[in-house]
Structures are given as structure tokens and as C-alpha cells.
Amino acid sequence: MTTYLSPDVQAGLDAARKKALKKSHRLRVQAGEDTYPVLNAWEGGFSLDSDVAPHLRGLVDLYDGPKHLSRCLIVASEEEGGEIRFELKRMTEASDRQPVDFERDPDAPVALIGRD
């Protein structure tokens, strides 16, 4: 059985689906000064709204609300159903501490007590 929907009804359904996806995800991608909400995310990539986002390529930052999650190297793979899908070529997790080039002793003191 084949279901036929008029173009207006199909456009309305697609818009409602995109709106629901935007509300359910807090993830966003920042490319330079521009920020785009993530519609869908999976292990090897994510998708953005094709009406809003250009075909991005290169390094972008991935955020969950205000928290910086990672820096990603991406490439646009395909466009389908109003979404542009991007593949992650490399993903570097963001850290709140500077990397060290020596081993930290697990029993080392956290702070020193000064003399008065």
C-alpha cells in the first residue's frame, strides 16, 4: 500500500520532526564564530539541518550546552531528508587540565602547608 501526502503536509511533517530533534538535543557545533544545533548524533558522526548549516569541512568544536566536549575533524558525507550528515575523521576529547610530561605520584600531597 502506498501513502501519498501532499507537498504542504510533507513539508509540515518535516518541519515538526526537525523542531522536535532540535529540542531533544543540547549538542551544538561551533565552526569559527558560527554555531549550529546538532539534530542527531551517533558514534561516528552527527547531522545538522541543511537549511541552516553549510557543508562544513575541517576542524569544529562540539559542545553540550556550555561544556566543551571535543574538537573534531569532520567532512560532509551526504544530504538526505533535510539533514546533512557529517563523518568524524578525528575526535580529540577536551580536558579541563593541562597535559603533563611526567608521571604524578598518586600519594603526592595536594597542597603544602606554609610556616608562620
Protein backbone atom coordinates (compact mmCIF):
# COMPACT_ATOMS: atom_id res chain seq x y z
CA MET A 1 0.00 0.00 0.00
CA THR A 2 1.31 3.39 -0.96
CA THR A 3 0.62 6.52 1.06
CA TYR A 4 0.52 9.85 -0.71
CA LEU A 5 0.95 13.10 1.16
CA SER A 6 0.65 16.48 -0.44
CA PRO A 7 3.85 18.54 -0.56
CA ASP A 8 2.43 21.00 2.01
CA VAL A 9 1.63 18.24 4.51
CA GLN A 10 5.03 16.59 3.94
CA ALA A 11 6.81 19.93 4.49
CA GLY A 12 4.85 20.45 7.71
CA LEU A 13 5.76 16.98 8.98
CA ASP A 14 9.44 17.52 8.16
CA ALA A 15 9.45 20.88 9.96
CA ALA A 16 7.81 19.35 13.04
CA ARG A 17 10.35 16.49 13.07
CA LYS A 18 13.28 18.94 12.85
CA LYS A 19 11.82 21.07 15.64
CA ALA A 20 11.46 18.02 17.90
CA LEU A 21 15.03 16.94 17.18
CA LYS A 22 16.38 20.41 17.99
CA LYS A 23 14.55 20.43 21.34
CA SER A 24 15.76 16.95 22.32
CA HIS A 25 19.48 17.66 21.74
CA ARG A 26 21.62 20.19 23.55
CA LEU A 27 24.59 19.44 21.34
CA ARG A 28 25.88 22.16 19.07
CA VAL A 29 28.77 22.58 16.68
CA GLN A 30 30.89 25.71 16.53
CA ALA A 31 32.80 26.42 13.33
CA GLY A 32 34.72 29.67 13.72
CA GLU A 33 32.22 32.23 15.02
CA ASP A 34 29.13 30.35 13.74
CA THR A 35 27.15 27.89 15.86
CA TYR A 36 24.76 25.20 14.57
CA PRO A 37 22.45 22.93 16.60
CA VAL A 38 23.00 19.18 16.17
CA LEU A 39 19.89 17.27 15.11
CA ASN A 40 21.24 13.76 15.55
CA ALA A 41 24.48 12.28 16.90
CA TRP A 42 25.92 8.77 16.71
CA GLU A 43 29.25 7.03 17.29
CA GLY A 44 30.94 8.11 14.07
CA GLY A 45 29.28 11.45 13.34
CA PHE A 46 26.34 13.80 13.58
CA SER A 47 23.79 15.59 11.42
CA LEU A 48 22.79 19.24 11.05
CA ASP A 49 19.80 20.97 9.48
CA SER A 50 20.54 21.50 5.78
CA ASP A 51 18.53 24.75 5.73
CA VAL A 52 20.74 26.35 8.37
CA ALA A 53 24.19 24.75 8.13
CA PRO A 54 26.54 24.91 5.16
CA HIS A 55 28.65 21.96 4.02
CA LEU A 56 31.24 22.23 6.78
CA ARG A 57 34.68 20.71 6.49
CA GLY A 58 37.70 20.79 8.76
CA LEU A 59 38.07 21.44 12.48
CA VAL A 60 34.98 22.22 14.56
CA ASP A 61 34.23 22.25 18.28
CA LEU A 62 31.45 20.13 19.76
CA TYR A 63 29.58 21.48 22.81
CA ASP A 64 26.92 20.07 25.14
CA GLY A 65 25.28 23.25 26.36
CA PRO A 66 28.17 25.39 27.70
CA LYS A 67 30.50 22.38 28.21
CA HIS A 68 33.21 21.87 25.58
CA LEU A 69 33.23 18.15 24.72
CA SER A 70 35.71 17.76 21.90
CA ARG A 71 37.47 19.16 18.86
CA CYS A 72 36.60 17.23 15.72
CA LEU A 73 37.90 16.91 12.19
CA ILE A 74 34.81 16.43 10.01
CA VAL A 75 33.75 16.02 6.40
CA ALA A 76 30.21 16.19 4.97
CA SER A 77 29.15 12.76 3.74
CA GLU A 78 25.57 13.01 2.44
CA GLU A 79 22.41 15.08 2.46
CA GLU A 80 19.07 13.34 2.98
CA GLY A 81 15.68 14.38 4.32
CA GLY A 82 16.69 17.94 5.11
CA GLU A 83 19.74 16.85 7.11
CA ILE A 84 23.43 16.97 6.27
CA ARG A 85 25.35 14.06 7.73
CA PHE A 86 28.96 14.56 8.80
CA GLU A 87 31.58 11.90 9.45
CA LEU A 88 34.15 12.27 12.20
CA LYS A 89 37.65 11.67 10.88
CA ARG A 90 39.31 12.52 14.20
CA MET A 91 37.94 13.44 17.62
CA THR A 92 40.05 14.85 20.45
CA GLU A 93 38.38 14.96 23.85
CA ALA A 94 38.51 18.32 25.63
CA SER A 95 40.16 18.43 29.05
CA ASP A 96 39.97 20.96 31.85
CA ARG A 97 43.61 20.31 32.90
CA GLN A 98 46.90 20.93 31.11
CA PRO A 99 48.72 17.80 29.95
CA VAL A 100 51.86 16.89 31.91
CA ASP A 101 55.01 15.25 30.63
CA PHE A 102 55.80 13.35 33.83
CA GLU A 103 54.10 10.73 36.00
CA ARG A 104 52.23 12.04 39.01
CA ASP A 105 52.63 10.14 42.24
CA PRO A 106 49.16 9.03 43.45
CA ASP A 107 50.25 9.64 47.10
CA ALA A 108 51.63 13.12 46.42
CA PRO A 109 50.24 15.93 48.61
CA VAL A 110 47.55 18.10 47.09
CA ALA A 111 48.86 21.27 48.69
CA LEU A 112 51.63 22.41 51.01
CA ILE A 113 51.07 23.94 54.42
CA GLY A 114 53.13 27.11 54.89
CA ARG A 115 55.02 28.09 58.03
CA ASP A 116 54.07 31.15 60.02
